Each structure stands twice: as C-alpha cells, then as structure tokens.
C-alpha cells in the first residue's frame, strides 16, 4: 500500500508485524489436513488453520511461526524431501 501524501508531504505508516510459515498443503477435508499436520509435527509446531477462497473453505497445514528466513528454508527443504513438493514459504 502506498504511503499517503497530504499537502505535498509523505506520511510514513507503521509496519504491521508478520510471521514466517511453511505451508505444507491445503485441503478441503479437515481430516486430510489433520493427518498431514500430525505427520509433520516432528519438524516443528504444525497447525491447521482455515482460509476462505470464494465460497470454498480450505484447511491449511502450516509449520511455524519460524524465526528466520534461513530456518524457513531448512524446514521447507525437509518438508519437500519427505514427499510434499507443493510446500511453500508464506509470510502472514
């Protein structure tokens, strides 16, 4: 979002805090998400959260929050290596 300009001056707005996660998958069925979360829990805190996309509700499986980008890269590599090539790093 662009900084607002008022009377020729640019105003700086505070940045909202974000967190880094590895999203291992998103499912329509909660049971599938829960099973993947249980499988990945040995890699770190795994959580199932919901996301609404249009009229469809999805259950996302995320590991984290993760403290650094470097750690997120390592977790992502591990998740991919155990069979989840669709995993991604997300900042939320």
N, C-alpha and C. Protein backbone atom coordinates (compact mmCIF):
# COMPACT_ATOMS: atom_id res chain seq x y z
N UNK A 1 0.85 -1.17 0.00
CA UNK A 1 0.00 0.00 0.00
C UNK A 1 0.90 1.23 0.00
N UNK A 2 0.59 2.17 -0.85
CA UNK A 2 1.40 3.38 -0.98
C UNK A 2 1.19 4.30 0.23
N UNK A 3 2.27 5.02 0.57
CA UNK A 3 2.19 5.98 1.67
C UNK A 3 1.31 7.15 1.25
N UNK A 4 0.46 7.63 2.15
CA UNK A 4 -0.41 8.75 1.78
C UNK A 4 0.38 10.06 1.64
N UNK A 5 -0.05 10.89 0.71
CA UNK A 5 0.56 12.20 0.51
C UNK A 5 -0.48 13.25 0.86
N UNK A 6 -0.17 14.10 1.84
CA UNK A 6 -1.08 15.15 2.28
C UNK A 6 -0.32 16.46 2.26
N UNK A 7 -0.86 17.45 1.59
CA UNK A 7 -0.23 18.77 1.49
C UNK A 7 1.22 18.67 1.00
N UNK A 8 1.47 17.75 0.05
CA UNK A 8 2.80 17.61 -0.51
C UNK A 8 3.79 16.85 0.37
N UNK A 9 3.34 16.35 1.52
CA UNK A 9 4.21 15.60 2.43
C UNK A 9 3.83 14.13 2.41
N UNK A 10 4.84 13.27 2.45
CA UNK A 10 4.61 11.83 2.51
C UNK A 10 4.61 11.42 3.97
N UNK A 11 3.57 10.70 4.36
CA UNK A 11 3.46 10.23 5.74
C UNK A 11 3.89 8.78 5.82
N UNK A 12 4.73 8.50 6.77
CA UNK A 12 5.19 7.13 6.98
C UNK A 12 4.24 6.43 7.95
N UNK A 13 3.79 5.25 7.56
CA UNK A 13 2.86 4.48 8.37
C UNK A 13 3.59 3.33 9.06
N UNK A 14 3.15 2.92 10.24
CA UNK A 14 3.81 1.80 10.91
C UNK A 14 3.60 0.49 10.14
N UNK A 15 4.60 -0.37 10.21
CA UNK A 15 4.53 -1.68 9.57
C UNK A 15 3.87 -2.66 10.52
N UNK A 16 2.96 -3.44 10.00
CA UNK A 16 2.29 -4.45 10.82
C UNK A 16 3.21 -5.67 10.94
N UNK A 17 3.34 -6.23 12.12
CA UNK A 17 4.21 -7.40 12.28
C UNK A 17 3.72 -8.59 11.45
N UNK A 18 4.66 -9.36 10.94
CA UNK A 18 4.34 -10.55 10.17
C UNK A 18 5.10 -11.73 10.75
N UNK A 19 4.71 -12.92 10.32
CA UNK A 19 5.40 -14.13 10.75
C UNK A 19 5.62 -15.01 9.54
N UNK A 20 6.66 -15.87 9.62
CA UNK A 20 7.03 -16.76 8.54
C UNK A 20 6.54 -18.17 8.86
N UNK A 21 5.95 -18.81 7.85
CA UNK A 21 5.48 -20.19 7.99
C UNK A 21 5.90 -20.99 6.76
N UNK A 22 5.92 -22.30 6.91
CA UNK A 22 5.98 -23.20 5.76
C UNK A 22 4.60 -23.81 5.65
N UNK A 23 3.95 -23.56 4.52
CA UNK A 23 2.64 -24.15 4.29
C UNK A 23 2.85 -25.43 3.50
N UNK A 24 2.54 -26.55 4.12
CA UNK A 24 2.78 -27.86 3.52
C UNK A 24 1.65 -28.30 2.61
N UNK A 25 0.45 -27.77 2.82
CA UNK A 25 -0.68 -28.17 1.99
C UNK A 25 -1.95 -27.45 2.41
N UNK A 26 -2.95 -27.57 1.56
CA UNK A 26 -4.28 -27.01 1.83
C UNK A 26 -5.30 -28.02 1.33
N UNK A 27 -6.29 -28.30 2.15
CA UNK A 27 -7.24 -29.36 1.87
C UNK A 27 -8.67 -28.88 2.05
N UNK A 28 -9.57 -29.51 1.33
CA UNK A 28 -10.99 -29.25 1.51
C UNK A 28 -11.51 -30.04 2.72
N UNK A 29 -10.93 -31.19 2.98
CA UNK A 29 -11.35 -32.04 4.10
C UNK A 29 -10.43 -31.84 5.30
N UNK A 30 -11.02 -31.55 6.44
CA UNK A 30 -10.26 -31.32 7.67
C UNK A 30 -9.41 -32.53 8.05
N UNK A 31 -9.97 -33.74 7.90
CA UNK A 31 -9.24 -34.95 8.28
C UNK A 31 -7.91 -35.08 7.54
N UNK A 32 -7.90 -34.73 6.25
CA UNK A 32 -6.65 -34.79 5.48
C UNK A 32 -5.62 -33.81 6.03
N UNK A 33 -6.06 -32.62 6.38
CA UNK A 33 -5.16 -31.61 6.94
C UNK A 33 -4.64 -32.05 8.30
N UNK A 34 -5.51 -32.60 9.11
CA UNK A 34 -5.10 -33.06 10.44
C UNK A 34 -4.07 -34.17 10.35
N UNK A 35 -4.25 -35.09 9.42
CA UNK A 35 -3.30 -36.19 9.24
C UNK A 35 -1.93 -35.68 8.81
N UNK A 36 -1.91 -34.73 7.88
CA UNK A 36 -0.63 -34.17 7.46
C UNK A 36 0.02 -33.39 8.59
N UNK A 37 -0.75 -32.63 9.33
CA UNK A 37 -0.22 -31.90 10.48
C UNK A 37 0.42 -32.83 11.48
N UNK A 38 -0.22 -33.96 11.77
CA UNK A 38 0.34 -34.94 12.71
C UNK A 38 1.64 -35.52 12.16
N UNK A 39 1.67 -35.80 10.87
CA UNK A 39 2.87 -36.36 10.24
C UNK A 39 4.05 -35.39 10.31
N UNK A 40 3.77 -34.09 10.18
CA UNK A 40 4.83 -33.09 10.13
C UNK A 40 5.21 -32.52 11.50
N UNK A 41 4.48 -32.88 12.53
CA UNK A 41 4.72 -32.28 13.85
C UNK A 41 6.12 -32.55 14.39
N UNK A 42 6.79 -33.58 13.89
CA UNK A 42 8.17 -33.83 14.34
C UNK A 42 9.14 -32.78 13.80
N UNK A 43 8.72 -32.02 12.79
CA UNK A 43 9.58 -30.97 12.22
C UNK A 43 9.42 -29.62 12.92
N UNK A 44 8.38 -29.48 13.73
CA UNK A 44 8.12 -28.23 14.43
C UNK A 44 6.64 -28.09 14.69
N UNK A 45 6.25 -26.95 15.28
CA UNK A 45 4.83 -26.75 15.58
C UNK A 45 3.99 -26.74 14.29
N UNK A 46 3.11 -27.71 14.14
CA UNK A 46 2.24 -27.80 12.96
C UNK A 46 0.83 -27.42 13.38
N UNK A 47 0.23 -26.54 12.60
CA UNK A 47 -1.12 -26.06 12.90
C UNK A 47 -2.00 -26.18 11.67
N UNK A 48 -3.27 -26.47 11.91
CA UNK A 48 -4.26 -26.46 10.85
C UNK A 48 -5.09 -25.19 11.05
N UNK A 49 -5.12 -24.35 10.02
CA UNK A 49 -5.91 -23.12 10.06
C UNK A 49 -6.86 -23.11 8.87
N UNK A 50 -7.88 -22.29 8.95
CA UNK A 50 -8.85 -22.22 7.86
C UNK A 50 -8.60 -20.98 7.00
N UNK A 51 -8.98 -21.11 5.74
CA UNK A 51 -8.93 -19.99 4.80
C UNK A 51 -10.12 -20.10 3.87
N UNK A 52 -10.80 -19.01 3.66
CA UNK A 52 -11.95 -18.97 2.76
C UNK A 52 -11.48 -18.43 1.42
N UNK A 53 -11.68 -19.20 0.34
CA UNK A 53 -11.36 -18.76 -1.01
C UNK A 53 -12.65 -18.83 -1.82
N UNK A 54 -13.20 -17.67 -2.07
CA UNK A 54 -14.52 -17.62 -2.70
C UNK A 54 -15.53 -18.23 -1.76
N UNK A 55 -16.23 -19.24 -2.23
CA UNK A 55 -17.22 -19.91 -1.39
C UNK A 55 -16.68 -21.18 -0.75
N UNK A 56 -15.42 -21.52 -1.05
CA UNK A 56 -14.83 -22.77 -0.57
C UNK A 56 -13.95 -22.54 0.65
N UNK A 57 -14.13 -23.34 1.68
CA UNK A 57 -13.26 -23.29 2.86
C UNK A 57 -12.15 -24.32 2.71
N UNK A 58 -10.92 -23.89 2.99
CA UNK A 58 -9.76 -24.77 2.95
C UNK A 58 -9.16 -24.87 4.34
N UNK A 59 -8.51 -26.00 4.59
CA UNK A 59 -7.78 -26.23 5.83
C UNK A 59 -6.30 -26.27 5.47
N UNK A 60 -5.57 -25.25 5.93
CA UNK A 60 -4.15 -25.12 5.62
C UNK A 60 -3.32 -25.78 6.71
N UNK A 61 -2.27 -26.47 6.30
CA UNK A 61 -1.33 -27.06 7.25
C UNK A 61 -0.06 -26.23 7.19
N UNK A 62 0.25 -25.61 8.32
CA UNK A 62 1.42 -24.73 8.38
C UNK A 62 2.33 -25.11 9.55
N UNK A 63 3.62 -25.00 9.30
CA UNK A 63 4.63 -25.16 10.34
C UNK A 63 5.12 -23.77 10.71
N UNK A 64 5.20 -23.49 11.99
CA UNK A 64 5.70 -22.20 12.42
C UNK A 64 4.85 -21.60 13.51
N UNK A 65 5.09 -20.35 13.83
CA UNK A 65 5.95 -19.42 13.10
C UNK A 65 7.42 -19.78 13.23
N UNK A 66 8.17 -19.39 12.21
CA UNK A 66 9.60 -19.67 12.11
C UNK A 66 10.34 -18.35 12.24
N UNK A 67 11.43 -18.37 13.02
CA UNK A 67 12.10 -17.12 13.40
C UNK A 67 12.83 -16.42 12.25
N UNK A 68 13.44 -17.17 11.33
CA UNK A 68 14.24 -16.53 10.29
C UNK A 68 13.96 -17.17 8.93
N UNK A 69 14.31 -16.45 7.88
CA UNK A 69 14.16 -16.97 6.53
C UNK A 69 15.05 -18.20 6.34
N UNK A 70 16.24 -18.17 6.91
CA UNK A 70 17.16 -19.31 6.79
C UNK A 70 16.56 -20.56 7.40
N UNK A 71 15.96 -20.43 8.58
CA UNK A 71 15.31 -21.58 9.22
C UNK A 71 14.12 -22.05 8.39
N UNK A 72 13.38 -21.11 7.84
CA UNK A 72 12.23 -21.47 7.00
C UNK A 72 12.70 -22.25 5.77
N UNK A 73 13.82 -21.84 5.18
CA UNK A 73 14.38 -22.57 4.03
C UNK A 73 14.72 -24.01 4.42
N UNK A 74 15.29 -24.19 5.61
CA UNK A 74 15.65 -25.54 6.06
C UNK A 74 14.40 -26.39 6.29
N UNK A 75 13.38 -25.82 6.93
CA UNK A 75 12.14 -26.56 7.17
C UNK A 75 11.48 -26.90 5.84
N UNK A 76 11.46 -25.95 4.92
CA UNK A 76 10.87 -26.20 3.60
C UNK A 76 11.58 -27.36 2.90
N UNK A 77 12.89 -27.37 2.94
CA UNK A 77 13.66 -28.46 2.31
C UNK A 77 13.30 -29.81 2.91
N UNK A 78 13.14 -29.84 4.23
CA UNK A 78 12.79 -31.10 4.90
C UNK A 78 11.38 -31.55 4.53
N UNK A 79 10.44 -30.62 4.47
CA UNK A 79 9.06 -30.97 4.10
C UNK A 79 9.02 -31.50 2.67
N UNK A 80 9.72 -30.85 1.77
CA UNK A 80 9.77 -31.30 0.38
C UNK A 80 10.42 -32.68 0.29
N UNK A 81 11.50 -32.89 1.05
CA UNK A 81 12.24 -34.15 0.97
C UNK A 81 11.44 -35.36 1.47
N UNK A 82 10.42 -35.11 2.31
CA UNK A 82 9.61 -36.24 2.78
C UNK A 82 8.32 -36.40 1.97
N UNK A 83 8.29 -35.74 0.79
CA UNK A 83 7.20 -36.03 -0.14
C UNK A 83 6.14 -34.98 -0.33
N UNK A 84 6.44 -33.73 -0.02
CA UNK A 84 5.43 -32.67 -0.19
C UNK A 84 6.01 -31.52 -1.02
N UNK A 85 6.20 -31.77 -2.33
CA UNK A 85 6.84 -30.76 -3.19
C UNK A 85 6.00 -29.50 -3.38
N UNK A 86 4.73 -29.54 -3.00
CA UNK A 86 3.86 -28.37 -3.13
C UNK A 86 4.03 -27.37 -1.99
N UNK A 87 4.85 -27.71 -0.99
CA UNK A 87 5.05 -26.83 0.18
C UNK A 87 5.67 -25.50 -0.25
N UNK A 88 5.32 -24.46 0.48
CA UNK A 88 5.79 -23.11 0.17
C UNK A 88 6.06 -22.35 1.47
N UNK A 89 6.95 -21.36 1.38
CA UNK A 89 7.13 -20.42 2.48
C UNK A 89 6.10 -19.31 2.31
N UNK A 90 5.41 -18.98 3.39
CA UNK A 90 4.44 -17.89 3.36
C UNK A 90 4.71 -16.93 4.49
N UNK A 91 4.42 -15.67 4.25
CA UNK A 91 4.55 -14.63 5.28
C UNK A 91 3.14 -14.12 5.51
N UNK A 92 2.73 -14.17 6.76
CA UNK A 92 1.35 -13.82 7.09
C UNK A 92 1.33 -12.84 8.24
